[in-house]
Amino acid sequence: MNISSLKKEFYGKDIVELTCGKYSATIAAFNGSNIMRMQDHENGIDFFRNDPSFTAEDYQNNAEVYGFPSLYLPNRLANGVLKVSDYTYNFPMNDPLGNHLHGFLHKREHKVVAAEVTENAAIAKTEYIYDESDPFFETFPVSFKAEFTFKLSEKGMDYSFTMTNLSDRQLPYGVCNHTALKGPFVEGGKTEDVRLYVPIGEKVILNEKCIPTCDFNKPDAYDKQYLSGSMVPVGHDIDNDMYFMEKGTIDGEPFYGIIATDTASGKQIRYEVCKDFKFWIIWNDHGDKGYFCPEPMSWIIDAPNLNLPNEESGYVELAPGASKTVTEKIYSL
């Protein structure tokens, strides 16, 4: 089995190219440790939205909507306010709705720490140290280390993301992946053949600024399309459908994630996440651009500012020196 992990340059920026068996993946350290591309060559599957004509600058200018970006912090903070137990921060309002959106980590150039192989996997490790050298530090002076590991084997991609608080303040901990899956994702596939299964719980009701009202509804007929796996996630507008995560069952086994299926061929992308993630939000950029985003979030939109118990909102703080890791898996059948 061919296994390799090679550090290379892409328009002068650092990437790592991984290959193992039927899979290949490109890790763009320069673009927030984004999985810029991942393919299953045997089954003609291209997992994430990509553009072969793009330069490194193009990808950096579109960091949220290509590949597999990791976000800190997830989604929106109402009016840019971030209330932590020991301080209140005011972030710039970079969202047309008057909020702060997506944070900054996915826009930074990260460092390649390792490109290595084992007997059965190709591995890339990257990191970013957030400190006073970062232009955002004046707004948010809470230093941390972000560490990413991408392990590609014949079983697909295993991903882990660790944050460590390097400061003397409390670090609000909320993470998300703005997972931009192609639709269709099979070579020669059709939009109308794509289906999405998501094991959802209650729906989170959002106001006109895309902030939770703290009202939660049981799934209606529309929402239940996710539960039945009959939702077509492209070709029509899906605008921030947000739900509490639930555990599903696939092939008689517990399953915590989503499944995208090409009904014409039966081929699938399976995307599993750890239980530190509490919410799914599904968005597709109006549905006319050939991709959709099933995004796992560890906390609800605007969690630091909502009047909800932490165990419900997913709000977490890391004390000085503390670390937390999330893990995910991406593979095809």
C-alpha atoms as a PDB file:
ATOM      1  CA  MET A   1       0.000   0.000   0.000  1.00  0.00           C
ATOM      2  CA  ASN A   2       1.339   3.400  -1.005  1.00  0.00           C
ATOM      3  CA  ILE A   3       1.780   5.650   2.060  1.00  0.00           C
ATOM      4  CA  SER A   4       3.422   9.068   1.984  1.00  0.00           C
ATOM      5  CA  SER A   5       3.454  12.379   3.822  1.00  0.00           C
ATOM      6  CA  LEU A   6       5.293  15.153   1.976  1.00  0.00           C
ATOM      7  CA  LYS A   7       5.756  18.760   3.009  1.00  0.00           C
ATOM      8  CA  LYS A   8       5.555  20.946  -0.094  1.00  0.00           C
ATOM      9  CA  GLU A   9       4.856  24.500  -1.204  1.00  0.00           C
ATOM     10  CA  PHE A  10       1.706  25.800  -2.865  1.00  0.00           C
ATOM     11  CA  TYR A  11       2.290  29.256  -4.363  1.00  0.00           C
ATOM     12  CA  GLY A  12       5.094  29.649  -1.836  1.00  0.00           C
ATOM     13  CA  LYS A  13       2.967  28.554   1.141  1.00  0.00           C
ATOM     14  CA  ASP A  14       3.299  25.404   3.278  1.00  0.00           C
ATOM     15  CA  ILE A  15       1.135  22.360   2.607  1.00  0.00           C
ATOM     16  CA  VAL A  16       1.420  18.643   3.396  1.00  0.00           C
ATOM     17  CA  GLU A  17       0.298  16.066   0.848  1.00  0.00           C
ATOM     18  CA  LEU A  18      -0.903  12.793   2.361  1.00  0.00           C
ATOM     19  CA  THR A  19      -1.567   9.525   0.520  1.00  0.00           C
ATOM     20  CA  CYS A  20      -2.670   6.167   1.878  1.00  0.00           C
ATOM     21  CA  GLY A  21      -4.319   3.438  -0.171  1.00  0.00           C
ATOM     22  CA  LYS A  22      -7.291   4.821  -2.093  1.00  0.00           C
ATOM     23  CA  TYR A  23      -7.185   8.183  -0.285  1.00  0.00           C
ATOM     24  CA  SER A  24      -5.230  11.387  -0.757  1.00  0.00           C
ATOM     25  CA  ALA A  25      -5.480  14.679   1.128  1.00  0.00           C
ATOM     26  CA  THR A  26      -3.829  18.088   1.063  1.00  0.00           C
ATOM     27  CA  ILE A  27      -3.428  19.925   4.372  1.00  0.00           C
ATOM     28  CA  ALA A  28      -3.112  23.681   3.874  1.00  0.00           C
ATOM     29  CA  ALA A  29      -1.160  24.879   6.904  1.00  0.00           C
ATOM     30  CA  PHE A  30      -1.076  28.336   5.311  1.00  0.00           C
ATOM     31  CA  ASN A  31      -4.883  28.501   5.416  1.00  0.00           C
ATOM     32  CA  GLY A  32      -5.675  27.730   9.038  1.00  0.00           C
ATOM     33  CA  SER A  33      -4.772  24.008   8.818  1.00  0.00           C
ATOM     34  CA  ASN A  34      -7.582  23.480   6.333  1.00  0.00           C
ATOM     35  CA  ILE A  35      -8.021  20.130   4.537  1.00  0.00           C
ATOM     36  CA  MET A  36      -7.831  21.811   1.135  1.00  0.00           C
ATOM     37  CA  ARG A  37      -8.736  18.635  -0.740  1.00  0.00           C
ATOM     38  CA  MET A  38      -9.490  14.999   0.036  1.00  0.00           C
ATOM     39  CA  GLN A  39     -10.248  12.291  -2.502  1.00  0.00           C
ATOM     40  CA  ASP A  40     -11.189   8.617  -2.693  1.00  0.00           C
ATOM     41  CA  HIS A  41      -9.641   7.725  -6.033  1.00  0.00           C
ATOM     42  CA  GLU A  42     -11.177   4.244  -6.282  1.00  0.00           C
ATOM     43  CA  ASN A  43     -14.725   5.541  -5.971  1.00  0.00           C
ATOM     44  CA  GLY A  44     -14.314   8.880  -7.764  1.00  0.00           C
ATOM     45  CA  ILE A  45     -15.227  10.860  -4.630  1.00  0.00           C
ATOM     46  CA  ASP A  46     -14.028  14.431  -4.068  1.00  0.00           C
ATOM     47  CA  PHE A  47     -15.005  15.288  -0.490  1.00  0.00           C
ATOM     48  CA  PHE A  48     -14.629  19.031  -0.083  1.00  0.00           C
ATOM     49  CA  ARG A  49     -15.273  22.090  -2.213  1.00  0.00           C
ATOM     50  CA  ASN A  50     -12.089  23.101  -4.014  1.00  0.00           C
ATOM     51  CA  ASP A  51     -11.033  25.018  -7.104  1.00  0.00           C
ATOM     52  CA  PRO A  52      -7.971  23.854  -9.100  1.00  0.00           C
ATOM     53  CA  SER A  53      -7.588  27.368 -10.517  1.00  0.00           C
ATOM     54  CA  PHE A  54      -7.224  28.977  -7.076  1.00  0.00           C
ATOM     55  CA  THR A  55      -3.976  30.420  -5.789  1.00  0.00           C
ATOM     56  CA  ALA A  56      -3.034  30.375  -2.093  1.00  0.00           C
ATOM     57  CA  GLU A  57      -4.351  33.921  -1.818  1.00  0.00           C
ATOM     58  CA  ASP A  58      -7.682  32.880  -3.339  1.00  0.00           C
ATOM     59  CA  TYR A  59      -8.095  30.155  -0.735  1.00  0.00           C
ATOM     60  CA  GLN A  60      -7.123  32.527   2.071  1.00  0.00           C
ATOM     61  CA  ASN A  61      -9.692  35.056   0.877  1.00  0.00           C
ATOM     62  CA  ASN A  62     -12.402  32.369   0.939  1.00  0.00           C
ATOM     63  CA  ALA A  63     -11.264  30.434   3.998  1.00  0.00           C
ATOM     64  CA  GLU A  64     -14.741  29.613   5.380  1.00  0.00           C
ATOM     65  CA  VAL A  65     -16.299  28.167   2.233  1.00  0.00           C
ATOM     66  CA  TYR A  66     -13.652  25.846   0.765  1.00  0.00           C
ATOM     67  CA  GLY A  67     -12.266  22.621   2.167  1.00  0.00           C
ATOM     68  CA  PHE A  68     -12.476  21.730   5.834  1.00  0.00           C
ATOM     69  CA  PRO A  69     -11.802  24.817   7.987  1.00  0.00           C
ATOM     70  CA  SER A  70     -11.594  24.759  11.792  1.00  0.00           C
ATOM     71  CA  LEU A  71     -13.171  27.755  13.498  1.00  0.00           C
ATOM     72  CA  TYR A  72     -12.473  29.443  16.808  1.00  0.00           C
ATOM     73  CA  LEU A  73     -14.939  30.807  17.749  1.00  0.00           C
ATOM     74  CA  PRO A  74     -17.965  29.170  16.096  1.00  0.00           C
ATOM     75  CA  ASN A  75     -20.590  31.175  14.225  1.00  0.00           C
ATOM     76  CA  ARG A  76     -21.874  34.425  15.741  1.00  0.00           C
ATOM     77  CA  LEU A  77     -21.431  36.590  18.833  1.00  0.00           C
ATOM     78  CA  ALA A  78     -24.333  39.039  19.116  1.00  0.00           C
ATOM     79  CA  ASN A  79     -23.165  42.646  18.652  1.00  0.00           C
ATOM     80  CA  GLY A  80     -19.572  41.386  18.883  1.00  0.00           C
ATOM     81  CA  VAL A  81     -19.833  40.892  22.656  1.00  0.00           C
ATOM     82  CA  LEU A  82     -18.036  37.974  24.339  1.00  0.00           C
ATOM     83  CA  LYS A  83     -18.868  37.619  28.048  1.00  0.00           C
ATOM     84  CA  VAL A  84     -16.383  35.431  29.916  1.00  0.00           C
ATOM     85  CA  SER A  85     -16.487  34.777  33.677  1.00  0.00           C
ATOM     86  CA  ASP A  86     -13.520  37.091  34.295  1.00  0.00           C
ATOM     87  CA  TYR A  87     -13.887  39.697  31.515  1.00  0.00           C
ATOM     88  CA  THR A  88     -16.088  41.057  28.726  1.00  0.00           C
ATOM     89  CA  TYR A  89     -14.507  41.446  25.274  1.00  0.00           C
ATOM     90  CA  ASN A  90     -15.821  43.423  22.307  1.00  0.00           C
ATOM     91  CA  PHE A  91     -15.028  41.908  18.928  1.00  0.00           C
ATOM     92  CA  PRO A  92     -15.414  43.733  15.598  1.00  0.00           C
ATOM     93  CA  MET A  93     -18.813  43.332  13.953  1.00  0.00           C
ATOM     94  CA  ASN A  94     -17.825  41.698  10.659  1.00  0.00           C
ATOM     95  CA  ASP A  95     -21.264  40.248   9.905  1.00  0.00           C
ATOM     96  CA  PRO A  96     -23.862  42.215   7.888  1.00  0.00           C
ATOM     97  CA  LEU A  97     -26.391  41.250  10.576  1.00  0.00           C
ATOM     98  CA  GLY A  98     -24.438  43.212  13.196  1.00  0.00           C
ATOM     99  CA  ASN A  99     -22.534  40.386  14.927  1.00  0.00           C
ATOM    100  CA  HIS A 100     -19.014  39.020  15.055  1.00  0.00           C
ATOM    101  CA  LEU A 101     -18.707  35.985  12.797  1.00  0.00           C
ATOM    102  CA  HIS A 102     -16.298  32.998  12.803  1.00  0.00           C
ATOM    103  CA  GLY A 103     -13.324  34.371  14.750  1.00  0.00           C
ATOM    104  CA  PHE A 104      -9.812  34.440  13.295  1.00  0.00           C
ATOM    105  CA  LEU A 105      -7.960  31.123  13.704  1.00  0.00           C
ATOM    106  CA  HIS A 106      -8.929  29.762  10.270  1.00  0.00           C
ATOM    107  CA  LYS A 107      -7.419  32.848   8.609  1.00  0.00           C
ATOM    108  CA  ARG A 108      -3.939  32.475  10.081  1.00  0.00           C
ATOM    109  CA  GLU A 109      -0.863  30.844   8.572  1.00  0.00           C
ATOM    110  CA  HIS A 110      -0.099  27.831  10.754  1.00  0.00           C
ATOM    111  CA  LYS A 111       3.192  25.982  11.177  1.00  0.00           C
ATOM    112  CA  VAL A 112       3.892  22.452   9.919  1.00  0.00           C
ATOM    113  CA  VAL A 113       5.236  20.547  12.924  1.00  0.00           C
ATOM    114  CA  ALA A 114       5.504  17.086  11.361  1.00  0.00           C
ATOM    115  CA  ALA A 115       4.997  15.218   8.098  1.00  0.00           C
ATOM    116  CA  GLU A 116       5.567  11.538   8.804  1.00  0.00           C
ATOM    117  CA  VAL A 117       4.415   7.998   8.072  1.00  0.00           C
ATOM    118  CA  THR A 118       3.797   4.846  10.080  1.00  0.00           C
ATOM    119  CA  GLU A 119       3.211   1.307   8.833  1.00  0.00           C
ATOM    120  CA  ASN A 120      -0.436   2.092   8.121  1.00  0.00           C
ATOM    121  CA  ALA A 121      -0.939   5.858   8.033  1.00  0.00           C
ATOM    122  CA  ALA A 122       0.299   9.172   6.670  1.00  0.00           C
ATOM    123  CA  ILE A 123       0.333  11.951   9.273  1.00  0.00           C
ATOM    124  CA  ALA A 124       0.533  15.732   9.253  1.00  0.00           C
ATOM    125  CA  LYS A 125       0.758  17.863  12.388  1.00  0.00           C
ATOM    126  CA  THR A 126       0.336  21.629  12.481  1.00  0.00           C
ATOM    127  CA  GLU A 127       0.066  24.291  15.155  1.00  0.00           C
ATOM    128  CA  TYR A 128      -0.560  27.955  15.777  1.00  0.00           C
ATOM    129  CA  ILE A 129       0.547  29.987  18.793  1.00  0.00           C
ATOM    130  CA  TYR A 130      -1.818  32.875  19.427  1.00  0.00           C
ATOM    131  CA  ASP A 131      -0.064  35.632  21.363  1.00  0.00           C
ATOM    132  CA  GLU A 132       0.817  39.328  21.209  1.00  0.00           C
ATOM    133  CA  SER A 133       2.289  38.877  17.724  1.00  0.00           C
ATOM    134  CA  ASP A 134      -1.220  38.289  16.346  1.00  0.00           C
ATOM    135  CA  PRO A 135      -3.019  41.446  15.157  1.00  0.00           C
ATOM    136  CA  PHE A 136      -6.204  40.386  16.996  1.00  0.00           C
ATOM    137  CA  PHE A 137      -4.429  40.164  20.371  1.00  0.00           C
ATOM    138  CA  GLU A 138      -5.173  43.786  21.185  1.00  0.00           C
ATOM    139  CA  THR A 139      -8.875  42.900  21.078  1.00  0.00           C
ATOM    140  CA  PHE A 140      -8.593  39.484  22.731  1.00  0.00           C
ATOM    141  CA  PRO A 141      -5.418  39.221  24.884  1.00  0.00           C
ATOM    142  CA  VAL A 142      -5.802  35.552  25.863  1.00  0.00           C
ATOM    143  CA  SER A 143      -2.899  33.482  24.547  1.00  0.00           C
ATOM    144  CA  PHE A 144      -3.411  29.858  23.484  1.00  0.00           C
ATOM    145  CA  LYS A 145      -1.887  27.073  21.407  1.00  0.00           C
ATOM    146  CA  ALA A 146      -3.915  25.333  18.699  1.00  0.00           C
ATOM    147  CA  GLU A 147      -2.634  21.905  17.600  1.00  0.00           C
ATOM    148  CA  PHE A 148      -3.988  19.824  14.718  1.00  0.00           C
ATOM    149  CA  THR A 149      -3.285  16.217  13.722  1.00  0.00           C
ATOM    150  CA  PHE A 150      -4.417  14.693  10.421  1.00  0.00           C
ATOM    151  CA  LYS A 151      -3.977  10.912  10.170  1.00  0.00           C
ATOM    152  CA  LEU A 152      -4.852   9.375   6.799  1.00  0.00           C
ATOM    153  CA  SER A 153      -5.175   5.587   6.698  1.00  0.00           C
ATOM    154  CA  GLU A 154      -7.060   3.029   4.618  1.00  0.00           C
ATOM    155  CA  LYS A 155     -10.008   3.802   6.942  1.00  0.00           C
ATOM    156  CA  GLY A 156     -10.058   7.501   5.953  1.00  0.00           C
ATOM    157  CA  MET A 157      -9.101  10.659   7.815  1.00  0.00           C
ATOM    158  CA  ASP A 158      -8.801  10.874  11.594  1.00  0.00           C
ATOM    159  CA  TYR A 159      -8.621  14.479  12.773  1.00  0.00           C
ATOM    160  CA  SER A 160      -7.898  15.974  16.191  1.00  0.00           C
ATOM    161  CA  PHE A 161      -7.831  19.587  17.343  1.00  0.00           C
ATOM    162  CA  THR A 162      -6.372  20.559  20.726  1.00  0.00           C
ATOM    163  CA  MET A 163      -6.511  23.974  22.359  1.00  0.00           C
ATOM    164  CA  THR A 164      -4.347  24.857  25.364  1.00  0.00           C
ATOM    165  CA  ASN A 165      -4.748  28.019  27.431  1.00  0.00           C
ATOM    166  CA  LEU A 166      -1.326  29.692  27.668  1.00  0.00           C
ATOM    167  CA  SER A 167      -2.637  32.805  29.429  1.00  0.00           C
ATOM    168  CA  ASP A 168      -3.453  33.797  33.011  1.00  0.00           C
ATOM    169  CA  ARG A 169      -7.110  34.406  32.068  1.00  0.00           C
ATOM    170  CA  GLN A 170     -10.055  32.125  31.421  1.00  0.00           C
ATOM    171  CA  LEU A 171     -10.206  30.975  27.780  1.00  0.00           C
ATOM    172  CA  PRO A 172     -13.740  30.649  26.360  1.00  0.00           C
ATOM    173  CA  TYR A 173     -13.802  27.332  24.520  1.00  0.00           C
ATOM    174  CA  GLY A 174     -16.061  26.911  21.516  1.00  0.00           C
ATOM    175  CA  VAL A 175     -14.977  25.191  18.296  1.00  0.00           C
ATOM    176  CA  CYS A 176     -16.588  24.321  14.984  1.00  0.00           C
ATOM    177  CA  ASN A 177     -15.802  22.936  11.543  1.00  0.00           C
ATOM    178  CA  HIS A 178     -17.301  24.799   8.610  1.00  0.00           C
ATOM    179  CA  THR A 179     -17.276  21.542   6.630  1.00  0.00           C
ATOM    180  CA  ALA A 180     -17.781  22.415   2.924  1.00  0.00           C
ATOM    181  CA  LEU A 181     -18.836  19.115   1.344  1.00  0.00           C
ATOM    182  CA  LYS A 182     -19.193  19.000  -2.429  1.00  0.00           C
ATOM    183  CA  GLY A 183     -22.655  18.380  -3.800  1.00  0.00           C
ATOM    184  CA  PRO A 184     -22.526  16.341  -5.910  1.00  0.00           C
ATOM    185  CA  PHE A 185     -19.377  14.704  -4.544  1.00  0.00           C
ATOM    186  CA  VAL A 186     -19.197  11.740  -6.958  1.00  0.00           C
ATOM    187  CA  GLU A 187     -17.560  12.155 -10.355  1.00  0.00           C
ATOM    188  CA  GLY A 188     -20.369  12.647 -12.882  1.00  0.00           C
ATOM    189  CA  GLY A 189     -22.975  12.890 -10.115  1.00  0.00           C
ATOM    190  CA  LYS A 190     -26.118  15.014 -10.141  1.00  0.00           C
ATOM    191  CA  THR A 191     -27.332  17.538  -7.580  1.00  0.00           C
ATOM    192  CA  GLU A 192     -30.755  15.940  -7.336  1.00  0.00           C
ATOM    193  CA  ASP A 193     -29.228  12.571  -6.348  1.00  0.00           C
ATOM    194  CA  VAL A 194     -27.527  13.872  -3.174  1.00  0.00           C
ATOM    195  CA  ARG A 195     -29.170  13.104   0.182  1.00  0.00           C
ATOM    196  CA  LEU A 196     -28.188  14.050   3.720  1.00  0.00           C
ATOM    197  CA  TYR A 197     -28.836  12.129   6.938  1.00  0.00           C
ATOM    198  CA  VAL A 198     -28.405  13.966  10.255  1.00  0.00           C
ATOM    199  CA  PRO A 199     -29.579  12.496  13.586  1.00  0.00           C
ATOM    200  CA  ILE A 200     -31.102  15.662  15.047  1.00  0.00           C
ATOM    201  CA  GLY A 201     -32.948  16.554  18.223  1.00  0.00           C
ATOM    202  CA  GLU A 202     -34.816  19.762  18.963  1.00  0.00           C
ATOM    203  CA  LYS A 203     -34.545  22.668  16.520  1.00  0.00           C
ATOM    204  CA  VAL A 204     -32.894  25.886  17.711  1.00  0.00           C
ATOM    205  CA  ILE A 205     -35.048  28.876  16.775  1.00  0.00           C
ATOM    206  CA  LEU A 206     -33.023  31.846  15.518  1.00  0.00           C
ATOM    207  CA  ASN A 207     -34.089  35.490  15.323  1.00  0.00           C
ATOM    208  CA  GLU A 208     -33.603  37.869  12.395  1.00  0.00           C
ATOM    209  CA  LYS A 209     -29.956  38.391  13.424  1.00  0.00           C
ATOM    210  CA  CYS A 210     -29.323  34.627  13.433  1.00  0.00           C
ATOM    211  CA  ILE A 211     -29.072  34.567  17.238  1.00  0.00           C
ATOM    212  CA  PRO A 212     -30.962  31.929  19.287  1.00  0.00           C
ATOM    213  CA  THR A 213     -34.198  33.057  20.895  1.00  0.00           C
ATOM    214  CA  CYS A 214     -33.723  30.250  23.464  1.00  0.00           C
ATOM    215  CA  ASP A 215     -36.871  28.607  22.135  1.00  0.00           C
ATOM    216  CA  PHE A 216     -36.505  25.016  20.957  1.00  0.00           C
ATOM    217  CA  ASN A 217     -39.026  23.127  18.819  1.00  0.00           C
ATOM    218  CA  LYS A 218     -39.550  19.461  18.129  1.00  0.00           C
ATOM    219  CA  PRO A 219     -38.685  18.487  14.523  1.00  0.00           C
ATOM    220  CA  ASP A 220     -41.514  19.129  12.065  1.00  0.00           C
ATOM    221  CA  ALA A 221     -42.060  17.458   8.689  1.00  0.00           C
ATOM    222  CA  TYR A 222     -39.309  19.554   7.071  1.00  0.00           C
ATOM    223  CA  ASP A 223     -36.777  18.790   9.820  1.00  0.00           C
ATOM    224  CA  LYS A 224     -37.573  15.081   9.759  1.00  0.00           C
ATOM    225  CA  GLN A 225     -36.103  14.889   6.261  1.00  0.00           C
ATOM    226  CA  TYR A 226     -32.711  14.971   8.000  1.00  0.00           C
ATOM    227  CA  LEU A 227     -33.753  12.083  10.255  1.00  0.00           C
ATOM    228  CA  SER A 228     -34.987   9.969   7.346  1.00  0.00           C
ATOM    229  CA  GLY A 229     -31.963  10.755   5.178  1.00  0.00           C
ATOM    230  CA  SER A 230     -34.206  12.214   2.483  1.00  0.00           C
ATOM    231  CA  MET A 231     -32.993  15.828   2.673  1.00  0.00           C
ATOM    232  CA  VAL A 232     -31.532  17.122  -0.603  1.00  0.00           C
ATOM    233  CA  PRO A 233     -28.840  19.495   0.723  1.00  0.00           C
ATOM    234  CA  VAL A 234     -28.172  21.391  -2.525  1.00  0.00           C
ATOM    235  CA  GLY A 235     -30.268  23.001  -5.247  1.00  0.00           C
ATOM    236  CA  HIS A 236     -32.408  24.984  -2.806  1.00  0.00           C
ATOM    237  CA  ASP A 237     -31.643  27.416   0.008  1.00  0.00           C
ATOM    238  CA  ILE A 238     -30.791  25.996   3.445  1.00  0.00           C
ATOM    239  CA  ASP A 239     -30.202  28.971   5.715  1.00  0.00           C
ATOM    240  CA  ASN A 240     -28.837  27.994   9.115  1.00  0.00           C
ATOM    241  CA  ASP A 241     -30.947  25.002  10.112  1.00  0.00           C
ATOM    242  CA  MET A 242     -29.698  24.456  13.683  1.00  0.00           C
ATOM    243  CA  TYR A 243     -30.392  21.465  15.923  1.00  0.00           C
ATOM    244  CA  PHE A 244     -29.262  19.755  19.075  1.00  0.00           C
ATOM    245  CA  MET A 245     -27.156  16.723  18.147  1.00  0.00           C
ATOM    246  CA  GLU A 246     -28.460  13.256  18.825  1.00  0.00           C
ATOM    247  CA  LYS A 247     -26.873   9.839  18.507  1.00  0.00           C
ATOM    248  CA  GLY A 248     -28.008   7.880  15.483  1.00  0.00           C
ATOM    249  CA  THR A 249     -27.690   4.198  14.636  1.00  0.00           C
ATOM    250  CA  ILE A 250     -26.079   2.885  11.442  1.00  0.00           C
ATOM    251  CA  ASP A 251     -25.700  -0.812  10.625  1.00  0.00           C
ATOM    252  CA  GLY A 252     -26.788  -1.610  14.170  1.00  0.00           C
ATOM    253  CA  GLU A 253     -24.004   0.516  15.675  1.00  0.00           C
ATOM    254  CA  PRO A 254     -24.166   3.929  17.407  1.00  0.00           C
ATOM    255  CA  PHE A 255     -23.367   6.781  15.030  1.00  0.00           C
ATOM    256  CA  TYR A 256     -22.656  10.382  16.005  1.00  0.00           C
ATOM    257  CA  GLY A 257     -22.312  12.280  12.748  1.00  0.00           C
ATOM    258  CA  ILE A 258     -23.811  12.775   9.280  1.00  0.00           C
ATOM    259  CA  ILE A 259     -24.010  10.719   6.097  1.00  0.00           C
ATOM    260  CA  ALA A 260     -24.138  12.141   2.572  1.00  0.00           C
ATOM    261  CA  THR A 261     -25.314   9.666  -0.056  1.00  0.00           C
ATOM    262  CA  ASP A 262     -25.293   9.684  -3.838  1.00  0.00           C
ATOM    263  CA  THR A 263     -28.493   7.749  -4.461  1.00  0.00           C
ATOM    264  CA  ALA A 264     -27.641   6.924  -8.086  1.00  0.00           C
ATOM    265  CA  SER A 265     -24.447   5.050  -7.180  1.00  0.00           C
ATOM    266  CA  GLY A 266     -25.020   4.275  -3.495  1.00  0.00           C
ATOM    267  CA  LYS A 267     -21.667   5.858  -2.625  1.00  0.00           C
ATOM    268  CA  GLN A 268     -21.403   7.681   0.680  1.00  0.00           C
ATOM    269  CA  ILE A 269     -19.390  10.172   2.675  1.00  0.00           C
ATOM    270  CA  ARG A 270     -19.535   9.514   6.397  1.00  0.00           C
ATOM    271  CA  TYR A 271     -18.482  12.206   8.844  1.00  0.00           C
ATOM    272  CA  GLU A 272     -18.297  11.297  12.533  1.00  0.00           C
ATOM    273  CA  VAL A 273     -17.647  13.647  15.447  1.00  0.00           C
ATOM    274  CA  CYS A 274     -16.954  13.193  19.147  1.00  0.00           C
ATOM    275  CA  LYS A 275     -19.540  13.924  21.812  1.00  0.00           C
ATOM    276  CA  ASP A 276     -17.915  17.235  22.753  1.00  0.00           C
ATOM    277  CA  PHE A 277     -19.885  18.594  19.820  1.00  0.00           C
ATOM    278  CA  LYS A 278     -23.463  19.396  20.845  1.00  0.00           C
ATOM    279  CA  PHE A 279     -25.091  21.053  17.825  1.00  0.00           C
ATOM    280  CA  TRP A 280     -25.418  20.763  14.050  1.00  0.00           C
ATOM    281  CA  ILE A 281     -25.997  23.758  11.835  1.00  0.00           C
ATOM    282  CA  ILE A 282     -26.645  23.165   8.143  1.00  0.00           C
ATOM    283  CA  TRP A 283     -26.098  25.907   5.560  1.00  0.00           C
ATOM    284  CA  ASN A 284     -25.540  25.839   1.798  1.00  0.00           C
ATOM    285  CA  ASP A 285     -24.876  29.407   0.610  1.00  0.00           C
ATOM    286  CA  HIS A 286     -28.271  29.602  -1.163  1.00  0.00           C
ATOM    287  CA  GLY A 287     -27.845  26.100  -2.576  1.00  0.00           C
ATOM    288  CA  ASP A 288     -26.617  27.133  -6.030  1.00  0.00           C
ATOM    289  CA  LYS A 289     -22.837  26.831  -5.640  1.00  0.00           C
ATOM    290  CA  GLY A 290     -22.299  23.066  -5.557  1.00  0.00           C
ATOM    291  CA  TYR A 291     -21.599  22.597  -1.859  1.00  0.00           C
ATOM    292  CA  PHE A 292     -23.257  22.321   1.539  1.00  0.00           C
ATOM    293  CA  CYS A 293     -21.990  22.677   5.099  1.00  0.00           C
ATOM    294  CA  PRO A 294     -23.048  20.310   7.894  1.00  0.00           C
ATOM    295  CA  GLU A 295     -21.209  22.108  10.702  1.00  0.00           C
ATOM    296  CA  PRO A 296     -20.614  20.515  14.120  1.00  0.00           C
ATOM    297  CA  MET A 297     -20.440  23.072  16.946  1.00  0.00           C
ATOM    298  CA  SER A 298     -19.346  22.510  20.539  1.00  0.00           C
ATOM    299  CA  TRP A 299     -21.561  25.350  21.734  1.00  0.00           C
ATOM    300  CA  ILE A 300     -24.750  26.975  20.570  1.00  0.00           C
ATOM    301  CA  ILE A 301     -24.573  30.249  18.594  1.00  0.00           C
ATOM    302  CA  ASP A 302     -23.795  33.138  21.014  1.00  0.00           C
ATOM    303  CA  ALA A 303     -23.400  30.698  23.922  1.00  0.00           C
ATOM    304  CA  PRO A 304     -21.312  33.053  26.141  1.00  0.00           C
ATOM    305  CA  ASN A 305     -24.083  35.656  26.143  1.00  0.00           C
ATOM    306  CA  LEU A 306     -27.228  33.539  26.417  1.00  0.00           C
ATOM    307  CA  ASN A 307     -29.250  32.951  29.544  1.00  0.00           C
ATOM    308  CA  LEU A 308     -28.924  29.173  29.316  1.00  0.00           C
ATOM    309  CA  PRO A 309     -27.247  26.654  31.638  1.00  0.00           C
ATOM    310  CA  ASN A 310     -23.790  25.682  30.418  1.00  0.00           C
ATOM    311  CA  GLU A 311     -24.784  22.025  30.154  1.00  0.00           C
ATOM    312  CA  GLU A 312     -27.479  23.061  27.667  1.00  0.00           C
ATOM    313  CA  SER A 313     -25.584  25.716  25.702  1.00  0.00           C
ATOM    314  CA  GLY A 314     -22.272  23.842  25.567  1.00  0.00           C
ATOM    315  CA  TYR A 315     -20.421  26.835  27.021  1.00  0.00           C
ATOM    316  CA  VAL A 316     -16.996  25.889  28.424  1.00  0.00           C
ATOM    317  CA  GLU A 317     -14.006  27.835  29.735  1.00  0.00           C
ATOM    318  CA  LEU A 318     -10.446  26.544  29.964  1.00  0.00           C
ATOM    319  CA  ALA A 319      -8.496  27.595  33.049  1.00  0.00           C
ATOM    320  CA  PRO A 320      -4.860  28.702  32.650  1.00  0.00           C
ATOM    321  CA  GLY A 321      -2.799  25.706  31.516  1.00  0.00           C
ATOM    322  CA  ALA A 322      -5.836  23.560  30.690  1.00  0.00           C
ATOM    323  CA  SER A 323      -6.309  21.746  27.356  1.00  0.00           C
ATOM    324  CA  LYS A 324      -9.227  20.234  25.466  1.00  0.00           C
ATOM    325  CA  THR A 325      -9.245  18.001  22.377  1.00  0.00           C
ATOM    326  CA  VAL A 326     -11.976  17.164  19.884  1.00  0.00           C
ATOM    327  CA  THR A 327     -11.791  14.328  17.363  1.00  0.00           C
ATOM    328  CA  GLU A 328     -13.532  13.575  14.067  1.00  0.00           C
ATOM    329  CA  LYS A 329     -13.475  10.976  11.263  1.00  0.00           C
ATOM    330  CA  ILE A 330     -14.136  11.398   7.539  1.00  0.00           C
ATOM    331  CA  TYR A 331     -14.343   8.440   5.176  1.00  0.00           C
ATOM    332  CA  SER A 332     -16.242   6.998   2.224  1.00  0.00           C
ATOM    333  CA  LEU A 333     -18.095   3.819   1.358  1.00  0.00           C
END
